[in-house]
Amino acid sequence: MSDTTTTPLQRATLRLGQIRVNPLNVRENLNLTDTFLKSIAANGVKVPVVVIPLDDEGTAYELKMGHRRYAAARATKDTDEERDEIEVPAYVLDPALREAGEDFIDQLLENDDAYREGLTELEKADALFGAVDAGMKQTRVAQLTGRSRKDVTQAVRTAKSVGKRTRSALADAGTYDLDLEVLGVLGEFDDDPTAVDRLLEAYAKGRFDFQAQWERDDREERLARDRVRPQLEATGVRLAEDADTLPPTAEPLTELDGPNGEPMSAKAHADCPGHVATWAVNPVEPGAVDYYCTDPGGFGHYPPEEDDQEPEDGGSGTQEDGTAGTVTSSEPSREYVMAGNKAYRAAEKARHGWLKEMIGRKTAPKPLAAFITAQLITCPKPVAQWVGDAGRRDLVKELTGYDQPAERAKSATPAKLTLLNFAVLAATFEKRMSEARTWRTDTAARSSVPELREIREDARTWLTFLAEIGYPLSAVEQAVVDDAAYQESEPDPADTDSQADTADEDTPDGAASAEDSEDAS
């Protein structure tokens, strides 16, 4: 035991039984978290508490600073006798040198955020990684810090993956409040500074999950294309990187008849001088290609006979002067369609991830019950299509994480039942809008998918509700909600020519609306 003769500050080792809690401590909630309690149990108290002596014999002290450490240390033992014997480091102050009211000032200086700055999540990860890198086992790091082994592993992986360029970008952006999950995603793209910049911009706009999925899909597509190019070259197949550069006469093989009247295959067309591949508009898998013939007529291929095109409203297409009018089919560029498909699919994956997290909660957002009831009463087409649809049932399993959702429902709490019912509705709407062209507003898409207007309306209902309960809409989803043409970048408010006119019903017969034009696209 250290001597307690009068000095301004003295280091000592005290038993908790010698220390009395300050009755004037202003902290009402000690916030003894599991992590803090586990750390104290593993390490003991390492940061000294601050006390003043209550007698001249050095047998009793009043606690001035360290009430959380004191309480957490006592919580590590089961009986008062055991707790009183716990030893902690302490600084002993001379009460004669303290001013009236200094207790309260000390409490403020010790605990107020204005005077303290905690470590950022990345700095914490660096500390955990530093311990592991120095030779400490991750299990031991977890024990000493009160964290789970999983959390330590994630922190170490994040600290290793986030390099100097990304750290510099974080510093430049002044972004220090990122959690480990977000930092881990940045670490995935540490070798791509532009991707990190896009991710940080998306984080600021509340669209991080969508952008992360878009970046992953984009990287996967680029890597797949790098593998496919030499394969095409080895087989002698020409590749048009940009299908919009193909001649106007080019037709996809899916629109041509084969030698015996069957659909034309890439193998049957391989020897044609006009045989060419281009990246698929809506790839089933990364790196997929579509095959074209650059001049079907010139090389003796003939498309199936088609009926004469009729106006959407069933009219004759005759102009006011009685002459035959030309019905315009304003098909957007392949580049625009590919970009929109890519954004739509990334949004779909990010949305499913958000739904899984939300459905996995213990409590349901308040608006869910009313939405579920309204949909069951009105029974719109997505709901009506539920019965007997295996795809929707599989999606329910994916969203809930249960192989047997019905069995889980038997023991579920009322809140969990609400979430399970919501998962069923989520599956119905998600399957309804799984059509890749749901985001499109052009007449070419509408002519290909007769129900596209109705699908977009159902998608609008669904996405609007998700936004109301906290889902951050991506730009392509917002365009569906607004019933507007998707724009790859944020529109310039001053550029009125680029604003889409979404009132299709008001578009004159035979004319392309603003949303149908390539300029608006």
Protein backbone atom coordinates (compact mmCIF):
# COMPACT_ATOMS: atom_id res chain seq x y z
CA MET A 1 0.00 0.00 0.00
CA SER A 2 1.35 3.41 -0.94
CA ASP A 3 1.91 6.13 1.60
CA THR A 4 -0.62 8.97 1.42
CA THR A 5 1.32 11.89 2.89
CA THR A 6 0.26 15.25 1.50
CA THR A 7 1.50 15.76 -2.06
CA PRO A 8 -0.35 17.21 -5.04
CA LEU A 9 -0.69 13.79 -6.69
CA GLN A 10 0.30 10.34 -5.58
CA ARG A 11 0.09 6.96 -7.36
CA ALA A 12 -1.35 4.13 -5.28
CA THR A 13 -2.89 0.69 -5.50
CA LEU A 14 -6.18 0.50 -3.62
CA ARG A 15 -8.75 -2.15 -2.83
CA LEU A 16 -12.30 -1.40 -3.99
CA GLY A 17 -13.43 -1.87 -0.39
CA GLN A 18 -11.45 1.25 0.52
CA ILE A 19 -13.23 3.41 -2.07
CA ARG A 20 -16.57 5.17 -1.59
CA VAL A 21 -18.65 6.40 -4.52
CA ASN A 22 -18.97 10.18 -4.78
CA PRO A 23 -22.59 11.03 -3.83
CA LEU A 24 -22.35 14.16 -5.99
CA ASN A 25 -21.46 12.33 -9.20
CA VAL A 26 -23.64 13.81 -11.95
CA ARG A 27 -23.55 10.76 -14.22
CA GLU A 28 -26.89 8.95 -13.95
CA ASN A 29 -26.25 6.19 -16.50
CA LEU A 30 -22.95 4.34 -16.23
CA ASN A 31 -23.66 2.55 -19.54
CA LEU A 32 -21.87 -0.66 -18.64
CA THR A 33 -21.86 -2.27 -22.06
CA ASP A 34 -21.05 -5.95 -22.57
CA THR A 35 -17.88 -5.02 -24.43
CA PHE A 36 -16.69 -2.80 -21.57
CA LEU A 37 -17.55 -5.39 -18.90
CA LYS A 38 -15.76 -8.18 -20.80
CA SER A 39 -12.68 -6.01 -21.23
CA ILE A 40 -12.55 -5.14 -17.52
CA ALA A 41 -13.03 -8.81 -16.64
CA ALA A 42 -10.11 -9.79 -18.90
CA ASN A 43 -7.74 -6.91 -18.18
CA GLY A 44 -8.74 -5.51 -14.83
CA VAL A 45 -8.72 -1.73 -14.45
CA LYS A 46 -5.72 -0.33 -16.30
CA VAL A 47 -6.50 3.40 -16.30
CA PRO A 48 -6.14 4.68 -12.71
CA VAL A 49 -9.17 6.03 -10.92
CA VAL A 50 -8.84 9.36 -9.09
CA VAL A 51 -9.65 9.62 -5.36
CA ILE A 52 -9.18 11.84 -2.31
CA PRO A 53 -8.54 10.47 1.21
CA LEU A 54 -11.41 10.55 3.70
CA ASP A 55 -9.20 10.00 6.78
CA ASP A 56 -5.65 10.45 7.89
CA GLU A 57 -5.01 6.71 8.21
CA GLY A 58 -5.36 5.97 4.49
CA THR A 59 -8.17 3.47 4.97
CA ALA A 60 -10.99 5.22 3.11
CA TYR A 61 -11.13 7.28 -0.09
CA GLU A 62 -13.81 9.05 -2.07
CA LEU A 63 -14.00 8.39 -5.80
CA LYS A 64 -13.70 11.49 -7.98
CA MET A 65 -13.03 10.05 -11.44
CA GLY A 66 -13.58 6.53 -12.78
CA HIS A 67 -17.08 5.59 -11.66
CA ARG A 68 -17.62 3.37 -14.75
CA ARG A 69 -14.34 1.53 -14.16
CA TYR A 70 -15.20 1.12 -10.47
CA ALA A 71 -18.68 -0.28 -11.19
CA ALA A 72 -17.45 -2.55 -13.98
CA ALA A 73 -14.69 -3.95 -11.77
CA ARG A 74 -17.19 -4.76 -9.01
CA ALA A 75 -19.43 -6.45 -11.58
CA THR A 76 -16.71 -9.02 -12.29
CA LYS A 77 -17.24 -10.75 -8.92
CA ASP A 78 -20.27 -12.36 -7.34
CA THR A 79 -20.00 -11.40 -3.65
CA ASP A 80 -19.30 -8.16 -1.82
CA GLU A 81 -16.34 -9.78 -0.08
CA GLU A 82 -14.74 -10.67 -3.40
CA ARG A 83 -15.50 -7.25 -4.87
CA ASP A 84 -13.96 -5.42 -1.92
CA GLU A 85 -10.68 -7.28 -2.44
CA ILE A 86 -10.24 -6.23 -6.09
CA GLU A 87 -7.19 -3.97 -6.49
CA VAL A 88 -7.14 -1.02 -8.88
CA PRO A 89 -4.53 1.63 -9.71
CA ALA A 90 -5.37 5.08 -8.36
CA TYR A 91 -4.18 8.65 -8.22
CA VAL A 92 -4.63 10.16 -4.75
CA LEU A 93 -5.20 13.91 -4.68
CA ASP A 94 -4.55 16.28 -1.78
CA PRO A 95 -7.99 17.58 -0.71
CA ALA A 96 -6.39 20.70 0.76
CA LEU A 97 -5.36 21.77 -2.73
CA ARG A 98 -8.84 21.47 -4.29
CA GLU A 99 -11.24 24.35 -4.83
CA ALA A 100 -14.90 24.34 -3.98
CA GLY A 101 -16.86 22.96 -6.95
CA GLU A 102 -13.78 21.39 -8.53
CA ASP A 103 -15.43 17.95 -8.35
CA PHE A 104 -18.03 19.02 -10.90
CA ILE A 105 -15.49 20.63 -13.22
CA ASP A 106 -13.44 17.42 -13.18
CA GLN A 107 -16.49 15.36 -14.09
CA LEU A 108 -17.18 17.63 -17.02
CA LEU A 109 -13.59 17.66 -18.26
CA GLU A 110 -13.27 13.89 -17.96
CA ASN A 111 -16.47 12.96 -19.75
CA ASP A 112 -17.70 15.73 -22.02
CA ASP A 113 -17.21 15.02 -25.73
CA ALA A 114 -15.98 18.60 -26.15
CA TYR A 115 -12.84 17.61 -24.23
CA ARG A 116 -12.51 13.99 -25.35
CA GLU A 117 -12.12 12.51 -28.80
CA GLY A 118 -12.69 8.79 -29.22
CA LEU A 119 -10.98 6.72 -31.88
CA THR A 120 -12.64 6.38 -35.25
CA GLU A 121 -13.68 2.91 -36.38
CA LEU A 122 -10.67 2.77 -38.68
CA GLU A 123 -8.34 3.78 -35.86
CA LYS A 124 -9.87 1.08 -33.65
CA ALA A 125 -9.37 -1.42 -36.48
CA ASP A 126 -5.75 -0.29 -36.78
CA ALA A 127 -5.24 -0.88 -33.05
CA LEU A 128 -6.73 -4.38 -33.23
CA PHE A 129 -4.67 -5.17 -36.32
CA GLY A 130 -1.57 -3.80 -34.61
CA ALA A 131 -2.03 -6.21 -31.73
CA VAL A 132 -2.46 -9.16 -34.09
CA ASP A 133 0.43 -8.03 -36.27
CA ALA A 134 2.63 -7.87 -33.17
CA GLY A 135 1.96 -11.54 -32.55
CA MET A 136 -1.13 -11.66 -30.32
CA LYS A 137 -3.70 -14.29 -31.25
CA GLN A 138 -7.06 -12.97 -32.44
CA THR A 139 -8.81 -14.99 -29.75
CA ARG A 140 -6.74 -13.23 -27.09
CA VAL A 141 -7.38 -9.82 -28.69
CA ALA A 142 -11.10 -10.54 -28.57
CA GLN A 143 -10.87 -11.57 -24.91
CA LEU A 144 -8.93 -8.50 -23.83
CA THR A 145 -11.09 -6.02 -25.73
CA GLY A 146 -14.49 -7.57 -25.00
CA ARG A 147 -15.20 -8.02 -28.69
CA SER A 148 -16.33 -11.10 -30.54
CA ARG A 149 -13.80 -13.07 -32.58
CA LYS A 150 -15.84 -12.21 -35.67
CA ASP A 151 -15.58 -8.47 -34.95
CA VAL A 152 -11.83 -8.70 -34.47
CA THR A 153 -11.41 -10.65 -37.71
CA GLN A 154 -13.45 -8.07 -39.62
CA ALA A 155 -11.50 -5.20 -38.07
CA VAL A 156 -8.13 -6.79 -38.91
CA ARG A 157 -9.21 -7.51 -42.47
CA THR A 158 -10.45 -3.93 -42.87
CA ALA A 159 -7.28 -2.35 -41.46
CA LYS A 160 -5.17 -4.44 -43.85
CA SER A 161 -7.30 -3.66 -46.92
CA VAL A 162 -7.72 0.11 -46.50
CA GLY A 163 -4.51 1.52 -47.96
CA LYS A 164 -2.86 4.91 -48.06
CA ARG A 165 -4.80 6.23 -51.06
CA THR A 166 -8.15 5.40 -49.51
CA ARG A 167 -7.09 6.83 -46.15
CA SER A 168 -6.01 10.00 -47.93
CA ALA A 169 -9.40 10.18 -49.66
CA LEU A 170 -11.13 9.80 -46.30
CA ALA A 171 -9.01 12.59 -44.86
CA ASP A 172 -9.68 14.86 -47.84
CA ALA A 173 -13.42 14.24 -47.55
CA GLY A 174 -13.35 14.73 -43.78
CA THR A 175 -15.21 11.43 -43.40
CA TYR A 176 -14.40 9.74 -40.11
CA ASP A 177 -17.76 8.33 -39.00
CA LEU A 178 -17.72 5.25 -41.23
CA ASP A 179 -18.44 1.89 -39.64
CA LEU A 180 -16.44 -1.26 -40.27
CA GLU A 181 -18.87 -2.57 -42.87
CA VAL A 182 -18.53 0.58 -44.99
CA LEU A 183 -14.77 0.68 -44.47
CA GLY A 184 -14.57 -2.96 -45.53
CA VAL A 185 -16.27 -2.13 -48.83
CA LEU A 186 -13.84 0.73 -49.41
CA GLY A 187 -11.05 -1.74 -48.79
CA GLU A 188 -12.42 -3.94 -51.58
CA PHE A 189 -11.75 -1.11 -54.02
CA ASP A 190 -8.54 0.24 -52.51
CA ASP A 191 -6.81 -0.30 -55.85
CA ASP A 192 -9.40 1.82 -57.69
CA PRO A 193 -9.33 5.44 -56.44
CA THR A 194 -12.19 6.54 -58.72
CA ALA A 195 -14.39 3.78 -57.32
CA VAL A 196 -13.54 4.91 -53.77
CA ASP A 197 -14.49 8.48 -54.72
CA ARG A 198 -17.83 7.29 -56.15
CA LEU A 199 -18.50 5.24 -53.03
CA LEU A 200 -17.77 8.18 -50.72
CA GLU A 201 -20.03 10.40 -52.80
CA ALA A 202 -22.78 7.77 -52.64
CA TYR A 203 -22.31 7.48 -48.87
CA ALA A 204 -22.87 11.22 -48.52
CA LYS A 205 -26.10 10.87 -50.53
CA GLY A 206 -27.35 7.85 -48.57
CA ARG A 207 -26.97 5.47 -51.53
CA PHE A 208 -23.90 3.54 -50.44
CA ASP A 209 -25.32 0.01 -50.64
CA PHE A 210 -26.50 0.56 -54.21
CA GLN A 211 -23.15 1.99 -55.29
CA ALA A 212 -21.26 -0.84 -53.60
CA GLN A 213 -23.31 -3.38 -55.55
CA TRP A 214 -22.88 -1.40 -58.77
CA GLU A 215 -19.10 -1.32 -58.28
CA ARG A 216 -18.97 -5.06 -57.60
CA ASP A 217 -21.07 -5.83 -60.68
CA ASP A 218 -18.98 -3.46 -62.78
CA ARG A 219 -15.71 -5.05 -61.66
CA GLU A 220 -17.08 -8.54 -62.27
CA GLU A 221 -18.22 -7.54 -65.76
CA ARG A 222 -14.86 -5.98 -66.64
CA LEU A 223 -12.94 -9.04 -65.44
CA ALA A 224 -15.29 -11.33 -67.35
CA ARG A 225 -14.86 -9.31 -70.54
CA ASP A 226 -11.09 -9.55 -70.17
CA ARG A 227 -11.49 -13.34 -70.18
CA VAL A 228 -13.96 -13.44 -73.08
CA ARG A 229 -12.03 -11.22 -75.51
CA PRO A 230 -9.16 -13.67 -76.12
CA GLN A 231 -11.66 -16.53 -76.38
CA LEU A 232 -13.53 -14.76 -79.17
CA GLU A 233 -10.27 -13.86 -80.87
CA ALA A 234 -9.09 -17.46 -80.71
CA THR A 235 -12.23 -18.65 -82.49
CA GLY A 236 -12.05 -15.90 -85.10
CA VAL A 237 -15.13 -14.02 -83.95
CA ARG A 238 -15.04 -10.26 -84.40
CA LEU A 239 -16.05 -8.23 -81.36
CA ALA A 240 -17.80 -4.89 -81.56
CA GLU A 241 -17.07 -3.30 -78.19
CA ASP A 242 -19.83 -0.77 -78.77
CA ALA A 243 -22.85 -2.21 -80.60
CA ASP A 244 -23.98 1.32 -81.47
CA THR A 245 -21.14 1.38 -84.01
CA LEU A 246 -22.66 -1.51 -85.97
CA PRO A 247 -24.05 -0.57 -89.40
CA PRO A 248 -27.78 0.22 -89.65
CA THR A 249 -28.29 -3.04 -91.55
CA ALA A 250 -27.09 -5.18 -88.61
CA GLU A 251 -29.63 -7.55 -87.08
CA PRO A 252 -29.35 -9.82 -84.04
CA LEU A 253 -29.30 -13.50 -84.91
CA THR A 254 -32.37 -13.97 -82.74
CA GLU A 255 -34.29 -12.03 -85.40
CA LEU A 256 -33.08 -14.18 -88.30
CA ASP A 257 -34.12 -17.58 -89.68
CA GLY A 258 -31.58 -20.36 -89.86
CA PRO A 259 -30.89 -22.52 -92.97
CA ASN A 260 -33.97 -24.69 -92.37
CA GLY A 261 -36.29 -22.02 -91.03
CA GLU A 262 -35.31 -22.56 -87.41
CA PRO A 263 -33.94 -19.66 -85.33
CA MET A 264 -30.42 -18.75 -86.38
CA SER A 265 -27.70 -19.99 -84.00
CA ALA A 266 -24.21 -18.54 -83.53
CA LYS A 267 -22.73 -21.84 -84.64
CA ALA A 268 -24.74 -21.93 -87.87
CA HIS A 269 -23.83 -18.30 -88.59
CA ALA A 270 -20.13 -18.55 -87.66
CA ASP A 271 -18.88 -18.74 -91.28
CA CYS A 272 -20.89 -15.73 -92.47
CA PRO A 273 -18.69 -12.70 -93.35
CA GLY A 274 -21.09 -10.56 -91.31
CA HIS A 275 -20.75 -12.60 -88.12
CA VAL A 276 -19.96 -10.33 -85.17
CA ALA A 277 -20.37 -10.39 -81.40
CA THR A 278 -21.11 -7.52 -79.08
CA TRP A 279 -21.62 -7.27 -75.35
CA ALA A 280 -25.11 -8.36 -74.28
CA VAL A 281 -27.60 -5.65 -73.38
CA ASN A 282 -28.98 -7.60 -70.43
CA PRO A 283 -26.37 -10.29 -69.71
CA VAL A 284 -27.51 -13.43 -67.96
CA GLU A 285 -23.97 -13.76 -66.64
CA PRO A 286 -20.96 -11.41 -66.72
CA GLY A 287 -19.18 -11.26 -70.06
CA ALA A 288 -22.13 -12.59 -72.08
CA VAL A 289 -22.35 -11.53 -75.74
CA ASP A 290 -25.07 -11.13 -78.36
CA TYR A 291 -24.38 -12.22 -81.94
CA TYR A 292 -25.27 -10.13 -85.00
CA CYS A 293 -25.14 -10.29 -88.75
CA THR A 294 -23.93 -6.97 -90.14
CA ASP A 295 -25.87 -7.31 -93.43
CA PRO A 296 -28.48 -10.10 -93.42
CA GLY A 297 -29.90 -9.14 -96.80
CA GLY A 298 -26.50 -8.95 -98.45
CA PHE A 299 -25.45 -12.32 -97.04
CA GLY A 300 -28.68 -14.14 -97.81
CA HIS A 301 -30.35 -14.22 -94.41
CA TYR A 302 -33.98 -13.31 -94.03
CA PRO A 303 -35.85 -12.26 -90.93
CA PRO A 304 -39.21 -13.86 -90.13
CA GLU A 305 -42.06 -12.04 -91.79
CA GLU A 306 -43.54 -9.39 -89.57
CA ASP A 307 -46.96 -7.79 -89.54
CA ASP A 308 -47.16 -4.13 -90.46
CA GLN A 309 -46.61 -1.98 -87.42
CA GLU A 310 -49.74 -0.36 -86.00
CA PRO A 311 -50.06 2.65 -83.71
CA GLU A 312 -50.30 1.83 -80.01
CA ASP A 313 -53.82 3.24 -79.86
CA GLY A 314 -54.99 0.96 -82.65
CA GLY A 315 -55.56 3.89 -85.03
CA SER A 316 -54.77 3.99 -88.73
CA GLY A 317 -51.73 6.23 -88.39
CA THR A 318 -53.32 8.66 -90.86
CA GLN A 319 -52.39 12.32 -90.57
CA GLU A 320 -54.93 15.15 -90.53
CA ASP A 321 -54.42 15.80 -94.23
CA GLY A 322 -55.40 12.22 -95.06
CA THR A 323 -51.88 11.06 -95.95
CA ALA A 324 -50.36 8.01 -94.36
CA GLY A 325 -48.45 8.99 -91.23
CA THR A 326 -45.23 7.33 -90.10
CA VAL A 327 -45.34 5.67 -86.70
CA THR A 328 -42.08 6.39 -84.93
CA SER A 329 -40.49 3.74 -82.73
CA SER A 330 -37.92 5.65 -80.73
CA GLU A 331 -35.55 2.93 -79.54
CA PRO A 332 -32.83 4.28 -77.24
CA SER A 333 -29.19 3.52 -77.83
CA ARG A 334 -27.83 0.16 -76.69
CA GLU A 335 -25.28 1.97 -74.55
CA TYR A 336 -28.08 3.73 -72.64
CA VAL A 337 -30.07 0.51 -72.25
CA MET A 338 -27.02 -1.40 -71.01
CA ALA A 339 -26.28 1.31 -68.45
CA GLY A 340 -29.89 1.34 -67.27
CA ASN A 341 -30.06 -2.45 -67.04
CA LYS A 342 -26.84 -2.46 -65.05
CA ALA A 343 -28.15 0.15 -62.61
CA TYR A 344 -31.50 -1.63 -62.30
CA ARG A 345 -29.91 -4.99 -61.51
CA ALA A 346 -27.51 -3.42 -58.98
CA ALA A 347 -30.46 -1.69 -57.32
CA GLU A 348 -32.36 -4.98 -57.19
CA LYS A 349 -29.50 -6.76 -55.40
CA ALA A 350 -28.97 -3.88 -52.96
CA ARG A 351 -32.72 -3.73 -52.28
CA HIS A 352 -32.88 -7.45 -51.55
CA GLY A 353 -30.01 -7.04 -49.10
CA TRP A 354 -31.85 -4.20 -47.36
CA LEU A 355 -35.06 -6.26 -47.21
CA LYS A 356 -33.23 -9.24 -45.70
CA GLU A 357 -31.78 -7.05 -42.96
CA MET A 358 -35.13 -5.44 -42.22
CA ILE A 359 -37.09 -8.72 -42.26
CA GLY A 360 -34.46 -10.22 -39.94
CA ARG A 361 -35.19 -7.70 -37.18
CA LYS A 362 -37.08 -8.55 -34.00
CA THR A 363 -39.50 -5.64 -34.34
CA ALA A 364 -41.44 -4.43 -37.38
CA PRO A 365 -41.76 -0.79 -38.49
CA LYS A 366 -45.20 0.54 -37.59
CA PRO A 367 -46.44 1.11 -41.18
CA LEU A 368 -45.96 -2.56 -42.13
CA ALA A 369 -49.21 -3.91 -40.66
CA ALA A 370 -51.36 -1.34 -42.46
CA PHE A 371 -49.56 -1.90 -45.77
CA ILE A 372 -49.92 -5.69 -45.51
CA THR A 373 -53.62 -5.39 -44.71
CA ALA A 374 -54.28 -2.96 -47.57
CA GLN A 375 -52.52 -5.20 -50.09
CA LEU A 376 -54.38 -8.30 -48.97
CA ILE A 377 -57.74 -6.52 -49.14
CA THR A 378 -57.19 -4.93 -52.55
CA CYS A 379 -55.25 -7.94 -53.90
CA PRO A 380 -53.37 -6.21 -56.75
CA LYS A 381 -51.84 -8.33 -59.49
CA PRO A 382 -48.50 -8.99 -57.72
CA VAL A 383 -50.41 -10.42 -54.76
CA ALA A 384 -52.85 -12.33 -56.95
CA GLN A 385 -49.94 -14.01 -58.72
CA TRP A 386 -48.60 -15.45 -55.47
CA VAL A 387 -50.59 -18.69 -55.43
CA GLY A 388 -48.61 -21.61 -56.78
CA ASP A 389 -45.61 -19.56 -57.90
CA ALA A 390 -42.47 -21.47 -56.94
CA GLY A 391 -40.19 -18.52 -57.75
CA ARG A 392 -41.94 -16.30 -55.25
CA ARG A 393 -41.82 -19.01 -52.60
CA ASP A 394 -38.07 -19.40 -53.13
CA LEU A 395 -37.63 -15.64 -52.78
CA VAL A 396 -39.48 -15.71 -49.45
CA LYS A 397 -36.95 -18.28 -48.22
CA GLU A 398 -34.10 -16.07 -49.42
CA LEU A 399 -35.48 -12.92 -47.80
CA THR A 400 -36.31 -14.57 -44.46
CA GLY A 401 -33.35 -16.93 -44.26
CA TYR A 402 -35.71 -19.79 -43.36
CA ASP A 403 -35.96 -22.99 -45.39
CA GLN A 404 -39.39 -23.56 -43.86
CA PRO A 405 -40.97 -20.14 -43.23
CA ALA A 406 -44.35 -21.71 -42.43
CA GLU A 407 -42.79 -23.78 -39.65
CA ARG A 408 -41.03 -20.71 -38.26
CA ALA A 409 -44.37 -18.89 -38.20
CA LYS A 410 -45.79 -21.41 -35.71
CA SER A 411 -43.51 -20.16 -32.94
CA ALA A 412 -43.03 -16.57 -34.07
CA THR A 413 -43.87 -13.53 -31.97
CA PRO A 414 -46.58 -11.17 -33.29
CA ALA A 415 -43.89 -8.77 -34.50
CA LYS A 416 -42.06 -11.57 -36.31
CA LEU A 417 -45.33 -12.75 -37.88
CA THR A 418 -45.79 -9.26 -39.30
CA LEU A 419 -42.32 -9.41 -40.79
CA LEU A 420 -42.95 -12.87 -42.26
CA ASN A 421 -46.17 -11.66 -43.86
CA PHE A 422 -44.29 -8.69 -45.22
CA ALA A 423 -41.68 -11.06 -46.69
CA VAL A 424 -44.45 -12.75 -48.68
CA LEU A 425 -45.59 -9.40 -50.08
CA ALA A 426 -41.99 -8.43 -50.76
CA ALA A 427 -41.54 -11.58 -52.83
CA THR A 428 -44.68 -10.86 -54.85
CA PHE A 429 -43.68 -7.30 -55.71
CA GLU A 430 -40.02 -8.14 -56.31
CA LYS A 431 -40.91 -10.93 -58.73
CA ARG A 432 -43.40 -8.65 -60.47
CA MET A 433 -40.71 -6.04 -61.15
CA SER A 434 -37.94 -8.52 -61.96
CA GLU A 435 -38.58 -7.75 -65.64
CA ALA A 436 -35.35 -6.00 -66.68
CA ARG A 437 -37.20 -3.36 -68.71
CA THR A 438 -39.27 -2.11 -65.77
CA TRP A 439 -37.07 1.00 -65.58
CA ARG A 440 -37.59 1.90 -69.26
CA THR A 441 -40.14 4.39 -70.57
CA ASP A 442 -39.44 4.17 -74.33
CA THR A 443 -41.97 2.83 -76.79
CA ALA A 444 -39.62 0.06 -77.91
CA ALA A 445 -39.68 -1.41 -74.39
CA ARG A 446 -43.46 -1.00 -74.12
CA SER A 447 -44.01 -2.78 -77.43
CA SER A 448 -41.79 -5.67 -76.24
CA VAL A 449 -43.52 -5.98 -72.86
CA PRO A 450 -47.28 -5.38 -73.24
CA GLU A 451 -47.76 -5.13 -69.45
CA LEU A 452 -44.89 -2.72 -68.90
CA ARG A 453 -47.11 0.20 -67.85
CA GLU A 454 -48.86 -1.96 -65.25
CA ILE A 455 -45.57 -3.42 -64.03
CA ARG A 456 -44.13 0.08 -63.58
CA GLU A 457 -47.23 1.13 -61.66
CA ASP A 458 -46.88 -1.83 -59.27
CA ALA A 459 -43.16 -1.11 -58.93
CA ARG A 460 -43.99 2.51 -58.15
CA THR A 461 -46.35 1.44 -55.35
CA TRP A 462 -43.73 -0.88 -53.88
CA LEU A 463 -40.74 1.44 -54.09
CA THR A 464 -42.72 4.39 -52.74
CA PHE A 465 -43.64 2.38 -49.65
CA LEU A 466 -40.07 1.15 -49.13
CA ALA A 467 -38.85 4.75 -49.29
CA GLU A 468 -41.43 5.67 -46.63
CA ILE A 469 -40.01 3.10 -44.21
CA GLY A 470 -36.40 4.17 -44.74
CA TYR A 471 -35.08 2.46 -47.86
CA PRO A 472 -32.71 4.82 -49.76
CA LEU A 473 -33.82 4.85 -53.40
CA SER A 474 -31.15 4.79 -56.09
CA ALA A 475 -31.46 7.09 -59.09
CA VAL A 476 -32.97 4.40 -61.30
CA GLU A 477 -35.53 3.49 -58.60
CA GLN A 478 -36.36 7.15 -58.05
CA ALA A 479 -37.02 7.49 -61.78
CA VAL A 480 -39.58 4.66 -61.55
CA VAL A 481 -41.24 6.33 -58.55
CA ASP A 482 -41.35 9.65 -60.42
CA ASP A 483 -42.50 7.88 -63.62
CA ALA A 484 -39.66 9.64 -65.39
CA ALA A 485 -36.93 8.58 -67.80
CA TYR A 486 -33.81 7.38 -66.03
CA GLN A 487 -30.78 9.63 -66.35
CA GLU A 488 -27.39 8.13 -65.66
CA SER A 489 -26.12 11.30 -64.01
CA GLU A 490 -27.85 13.92 -61.92
CA PRO A 491 -29.86 16.19 -64.26
CA ASP A 492 -28.84 19.81 -64.61
CA PRO A 493 -31.75 21.90 -63.28
CA ALA A 494 -30.97 24.56 -65.91
CA ASP A 495 -31.15 22.03 -68.74
CA THR A 496 -34.89 22.06 -69.34
CA ASP A 497 -34.52 20.17 -72.61
CA SER A 498 -33.35 17.08 -70.73
CA GLN A 499 -36.37 16.91 -68.44
CA ALA A 500 -38.58 13.99 -69.39
CA ASP A 501 -42.28 14.54 -70.06
CA THR A 502 -43.82 11.49 -68.48
CA ALA A 503 -47.44 12.13 -69.41
CA ASP A 504 -47.66 9.43 -72.08
CA GLU A 505 -51.40 9.84 -72.39
CA ASP A 506 -50.93 13.43 -73.53
CA THR A 507 -48.43 12.57 -76.27
CA PRO A 508 -49.89 13.18 -79.75
CA ASP A 509 -50.53 10.07 -81.85
CA GLY A 510 -47.59 9.11 -83.99
CA ALA A 511 -45.13 11.30 -82.05
CA ALA A 512 -42.39 10.26 -79.66
CA SER A 513 -42.66 11.70 -76.17
CA ALA A 514 -39.69 13.34 -74.50
CA GLU A 515 -39.14 10.26 -72.37
CA ASP A 516 -39.08 8.10 -75.52
CA SER A 517 -36.44 10.11 -77.36
CA GLU A 518 -32.76 9.23 -77.42
CA ASP A 519 -31.95 12.82 -76.47
CA ALA A 520 -33.97 12.46 -73.27
CA SER A 521 -32.35 9.12 -72.66
